[in-house]
């Protein structure tokens, strides 16, 4: 059965993290629950999308493991509804690790992905990496960044261009922040993978190209010159148009 998972994480470093497993395969959910319990996470299981949404709203978990192929609402629908109110980081586990399928999952709001089959130790490492990333963000003071008519409020995590609010996923936001904090610096694809995703992807993945294109389109939806440019054979750079 084609199935994928999303790990949705939010951080509360002073308490046991609560993880909601939304999965209709009892064998998979049981195995995942056992592994997470050994890592001292508190867990609950929901076996369809509607129950998963209810648990998300009422139990307020710190992390969600979300299967895509679910009865009721599928995982993409559940993820979209969560994204209406939350921008917590998302880690996707996918059985189909082709660039097209990875891009589809990332487009739904995911921040990282791990193809199956996988070892739990690698899954745990990626989870810890996401948690550390949020830890680092939460310790930052309120900061505003400007680049031309682009304004970023890093305290509120909002982006506007010429006064128009631009809606970004958390990964798109981190990618934009990387460019804005380093204007006119050329980043290779591997540089971006390490800086934005934290753990190296397969070198052949096109996830950086996909996300740069997403970000470009959103930054230009209200008009204005292109801000992120391709440097052929080298990578990407944020600079004024020449």
Protein backbone atom coordinates (compact mmCIF):
# COMPACT_ATOMS: atom_id res chain seq x y z
CA UNK A 1 0.00 0.00 0.00
CA UNK A 2 1.36 3.38 -0.97
CA UNK A 3 1.57 5.38 2.18
CA UNK A 4 3.44 8.39 3.36
CA UNK A 5 3.76 10.00 6.69
CA UNK A 6 4.12 13.54 7.87
CA UNK A 7 5.72 14.46 11.11
CA UNK A 8 4.39 17.77 12.31
CA UNK A 9 6.44 19.19 15.13
CA UNK A 10 6.05 22.06 17.52
CA UNK A 11 8.38 22.76 20.36
CA UNK A 12 7.90 22.90 24.09
CA UNK A 13 11.36 22.11 25.46
CA UNK A 14 10.26 21.97 29.09
CA UNK A 15 7.73 19.13 28.87
CA UNK A 16 7.35 15.67 27.38
CA UNK A 17 6.54 15.99 23.70
CA UNK A 18 3.13 14.70 22.66
CA UNK A 19 2.95 12.85 19.35
CA UNK A 20 -0.27 12.05 17.49
CA UNK A 21 -0.04 9.12 15.06
CA UNK A 22 -2.69 9.35 12.31
CA UNK A 23 -2.40 5.97 10.58
CA UNK A 24 -5.01 3.39 9.55
CA UNK A 25 -2.57 0.46 9.42
CA UNK A 26 -2.47 -0.89 13.00
CA UNK A 27 0.85 -2.68 12.47
CA UNK A 28 2.60 0.49 11.32
CA UNK A 29 1.05 2.69 13.98
CA UNK A 30 1.94 0.19 16.69
CA UNK A 31 5.57 -0.05 15.58
CA UNK A 32 5.93 3.71 15.33
CA UNK A 33 4.28 4.21 18.71
CA UNK A 34 6.63 1.71 20.34
CA UNK A 35 9.73 3.37 18.92
CA UNK A 36 8.58 6.82 19.99
CA UNK A 37 7.68 5.60 23.47
CA UNK A 38 11.24 4.33 23.86
CA UNK A 39 12.36 7.90 23.07
CA UNK A 40 10.14 9.13 25.93
CA UNK A 41 7.43 10.70 23.79
CA UNK A 42 3.77 10.62 24.82
CA UNK A 43 1.63 9.24 21.98
CA UNK A 44 -1.93 8.78 20.74
CA UNK A 45 -3.22 6.99 17.65
CA UNK A 46 -6.05 8.05 15.30
CA UNK A 47 -7.01 5.63 12.51
CA UNK A 48 -8.56 8.12 10.05
CA UNK A 49 -8.18 11.72 8.95
CA UNK A 50 -11.27 13.11 10.69
CA UNK A 51 -10.32 11.61 14.06
CA UNK A 52 -6.79 12.84 13.52
CA UNK A 53 -8.00 16.42 13.05
CA UNK A 54 -10.13 16.18 16.19
CA UNK A 55 -7.17 14.95 18.22
CA UNK A 56 -4.95 17.65 16.76
CA UNK A 57 -7.33 20.40 17.87
CA UNK A 58 -8.26 19.01 21.27
CA UNK A 59 -5.10 17.18 22.40
CA UNK A 60 -2.74 19.85 21.04
CA UNK A 61 0.14 17.51 20.19
CA UNK A 62 3.71 18.67 19.70
CA UNK A 63 4.28 16.32 16.78
CA UNK A 64 2.03 14.47 14.34
CA UNK A 65 2.80 11.41 12.26
CA UNK A 66 0.36 11.54 9.35
CA UNK A 67 -0.25 8.82 6.77
CA UNK A 68 -1.34 10.16 3.37
CA UNK A 69 -3.69 7.32 2.38
CA UNK A 70 -6.38 7.60 5.05
CA UNK A 71 -10.14 6.99 5.21
CA UNK A 72 -12.34 10.02 5.79
CA UNK A 73 -9.89 12.75 4.86
CA UNK A 74 -6.60 11.87 3.19
CA UNK A 75 -3.31 13.09 4.59
CA UNK A 76 -2.96 15.97 2.13
CA UNK A 77 -6.38 17.28 3.15
CA UNK A 78 -5.56 16.91 6.83
CA UNK A 79 -2.25 18.71 6.33
CA UNK A 80 -3.93 21.56 4.44
CA UNK A 81 -6.46 22.06 7.23
CA UNK A 82 -3.70 22.08 9.86
CA UNK A 83 -1.78 24.62 7.77
CA UNK A 84 -4.75 26.99 8.01
CA UNK A 85 -3.91 27.58 11.67
CA UNK A 86 -0.38 26.29 12.19
CA UNK A 87 3.06 26.62 10.60
CA UNK A 88 4.78 23.97 12.70
CA UNK A 89 7.59 22.11 10.88
CA UNK A 90 6.70 18.93 8.96
CA UNK A 91 8.83 15.87 8.26
CA UNK A 92 7.54 13.56 5.54
CA UNK A 93 8.22 9.86 5.34
CA UNK A 94 7.48 8.58 1.85
CA UNK A 95 7.44 5.17 0.17
CA UNK A 96 7.90 6.85 -3.21
CA UNK A 97 11.03 8.95 -2.98
CA UNK A 98 11.09 10.24 -6.58
CA UNK A 99 11.62 14.00 -6.95
CA UNK A 100 8.04 14.39 -8.24
CA UNK A 101 6.49 12.67 -5.23
CA UNK A 102 8.79 14.44 -2.80
CA UNK A 103 7.86 17.77 -4.39
CA UNK A 104 4.16 16.95 -4.08
CA UNK A 105 4.53 16.28 -0.38
CA UNK A 106 6.70 19.32 0.22
CA UNK A 107 4.18 21.45 -1.65
CA UNK A 108 1.57 20.49 0.95
CA UNK A 109 3.71 22.19 3.60
CA UNK A 110 6.38 19.67 4.58
CA UNK A 111 9.83 20.83 5.69
CA UNK A 112 11.86 17.64 5.37
CA UNK A 113 11.43 14.13 4.01
CA UNK A 114 12.79 10.67 4.64
CA UNK A 115 12.20 7.89 2.09
CA UNK A 116 11.17 4.43 3.20
CA UNK A 117 12.46 1.95 4.14
CA UNK A 118 14.31 3.85 6.84
CA UNK A 119 16.03 3.14 10.13
CA UNK A 120 14.47 4.59 13.24
CA UNK A 121 17.82 6.05 14.28
CA UNK A 122 17.77 8.26 11.15
CA UNK A 123 14.16 9.24 11.75
CA UNK A 124 15.03 10.19 15.30
CA UNK A 125 18.02 12.23 14.10
CA UNK A 126 15.83 14.24 11.75
CA UNK A 127 13.25 14.82 14.47
CA UNK A 128 15.96 16.06 16.83
CA UNK A 129 17.34 18.28 14.09
CA UNK A 130 13.95 19.94 13.59
CA UNK A 131 13.53 20.42 17.32
CA UNK A 132 16.95 22.03 17.62
CA UNK A 133 16.11 24.31 14.72
CA UNK A 134 12.99 25.56 16.48
CA UNK A 135 14.98 25.92 19.71
CA UNK A 136 17.40 28.21 17.91
CA UNK A 137 14.61 30.24 16.35
CA UNK A 138 12.80 30.66 19.67
CA UNK A 139 15.90 32.21 21.30
CA UNK A 140 16.24 34.91 18.64
CA UNK A 141 15.17 38.46 19.49
CA UNK A 142 12.62 40.29 17.39
CA UNK A 143 14.28 41.21 14.10
CA UNK A 144 13.10 42.91 10.92
CA UNK A 145 14.76 42.41 7.55
CA UNK A 146 14.32 44.54 4.46
CA UNK A 147 15.34 43.98 0.87
CA UNK A 148 13.91 46.56 -1.50
CA UNK A 149 10.13 46.52 -1.04
CA UNK A 150 10.33 43.19 0.82
CA UNK A 151 9.87 43.29 4.60
CA UNK A 152 10.28 40.33 6.99
CA UNK A 153 9.10 40.46 10.60
CA UNK A 154 11.01 37.55 12.13
CA UNK A 155 9.19 37.87 15.45
CA UNK A 156 5.76 37.38 13.89
CA UNK A 157 7.14 35.30 11.01
CA UNK A 158 5.37 37.46 8.43
CA UNK A 159 6.51 38.57 4.98
CA UNK A 160 5.14 41.52 3.01
CA UNK A 161 6.07 43.00 -0.33
CA UNK A 162 5.00 46.53 -1.16
CA UNK A 163 2.51 46.20 1.70
CA UNK A 164 1.00 42.90 0.49
CA UNK A 165 1.11 39.92 2.86
CA UNK A 166 2.77 36.83 1.36
CA UNK A 167 1.82 33.43 2.79
CA UNK A 168 4.82 31.08 3.09
CA UNK A 169 5.33 27.61 4.49
CA UNK A 170 7.93 27.33 7.23
CA UNK A 171 10.48 25.93 4.77
CA UNK A 172 9.86 28.70 2.25
CA UNK A 173 10.24 31.20 5.08
CA UNK A 174 13.60 29.75 6.19
CA UNK A 175 14.79 29.69 2.57
CA UNK A 176 13.84 33.35 2.13
CA UNK A 177 15.48 34.28 5.40
CA UNK A 178 18.72 32.62 4.26
CA UNK A 179 18.79 34.77 1.13
CA UNK A 180 17.74 38.00 2.83
CA UNK A 181 20.37 37.63 5.55
CA UNK A 182 23.02 37.03 2.87
CA UNK A 183 22.19 39.34 -0.05
CA UNK A 184 24.34 38.99 -3.15
CA UNK A 185 25.91 35.78 -1.80
CA UNK A 186 25.71 32.82 -4.16
CA UNK A 187 24.53 29.60 -2.49
CA UNK A 188 25.04 26.21 -4.09
CA UNK A 189 22.23 23.66 -3.89
CA UNK A 190 24.15 21.67 -1.29
CA UNK A 191 24.72 24.85 0.75
CA UNK A 192 20.98 25.48 0.76
CA UNK A 193 20.13 21.88 1.68
CA UNK A 194 22.46 22.05 4.67
CA UNK A 195 21.35 25.51 5.80
CA UNK A 196 17.58 25.12 5.32
CA UNK A 197 16.93 21.42 5.83
CA UNK A 198 19.75 20.71 8.25
CA UNK A 199 20.45 17.13 7.16
CA UNK A 200 21.86 16.34 3.73
CA UNK A 201 19.43 15.02 1.13
CA UNK A 202 20.38 12.74 -1.73
CA UNK A 203 22.63 14.75 -4.02
CA UNK A 204 20.36 14.07 -7.01
CA UNK A 205 17.23 15.58 -5.49
CA UNK A 206 15.68 18.66 -7.08
CA UNK A 207 14.01 19.82 -3.88
CA UNK A 208 16.02 23.07 -3.83
CA UNK A 209 15.01 23.94 -7.39
CA UNK A 210 11.37 23.15 -6.59
CA UNK A 211 11.36 25.34 -3.50
CA UNK A 212 13.21 28.23 -5.12
CA UNK A 213 10.57 28.22 -7.87
CA UNK A 214 7.76 28.17 -5.28
CA UNK A 215 9.34 31.08 -3.45
CA UNK A 216 10.00 33.09 -6.60
CA UNK A 217 6.36 32.82 -7.69
CA UNK A 218 5.07 33.88 -4.30
CA UNK A 219 7.44 36.85 -4.09
CA UNK A 220 6.31 38.05 -7.53
CA UNK A 221 2.56 37.44 -7.17
CA UNK A 222 1.94 41.14 -6.45
CA UNK A 223 4.38 42.38 -9.07
CA UNK A 224 7.86 43.80 -8.73
CA UNK A 225 11.23 42.68 -10.10
CA UNK A 226 12.65 39.22 -9.55
CA UNK A 227 14.66 38.98 -6.35
CA UNK A 228 16.12 35.44 -6.47
CA UNK A 229 18.33 34.72 -9.47
CA UNK A 230 19.93 31.60 -10.91
CA UNK A 231 23.69 31.61 -11.29
CA UNK A 232 24.23 28.98 -13.96
CA UNK A 233 26.42 26.13 -12.79
CA UNK A 234 26.73 27.59 -9.30
CA UNK A 235 23.37 28.01 -7.55
CA UNK A 236 21.14 30.89 -6.48
CA UNK A 237 21.54 34.44 -5.22
CA UNK A 238 19.31 37.26 -3.95
CA UNK A 239 20.15 40.56 -5.59
CA UNK A 240 18.58 43.48 -7.43
CA UNK A 241 17.84 42.99 -11.10
CA UNK A 242 20.52 44.42 -13.34
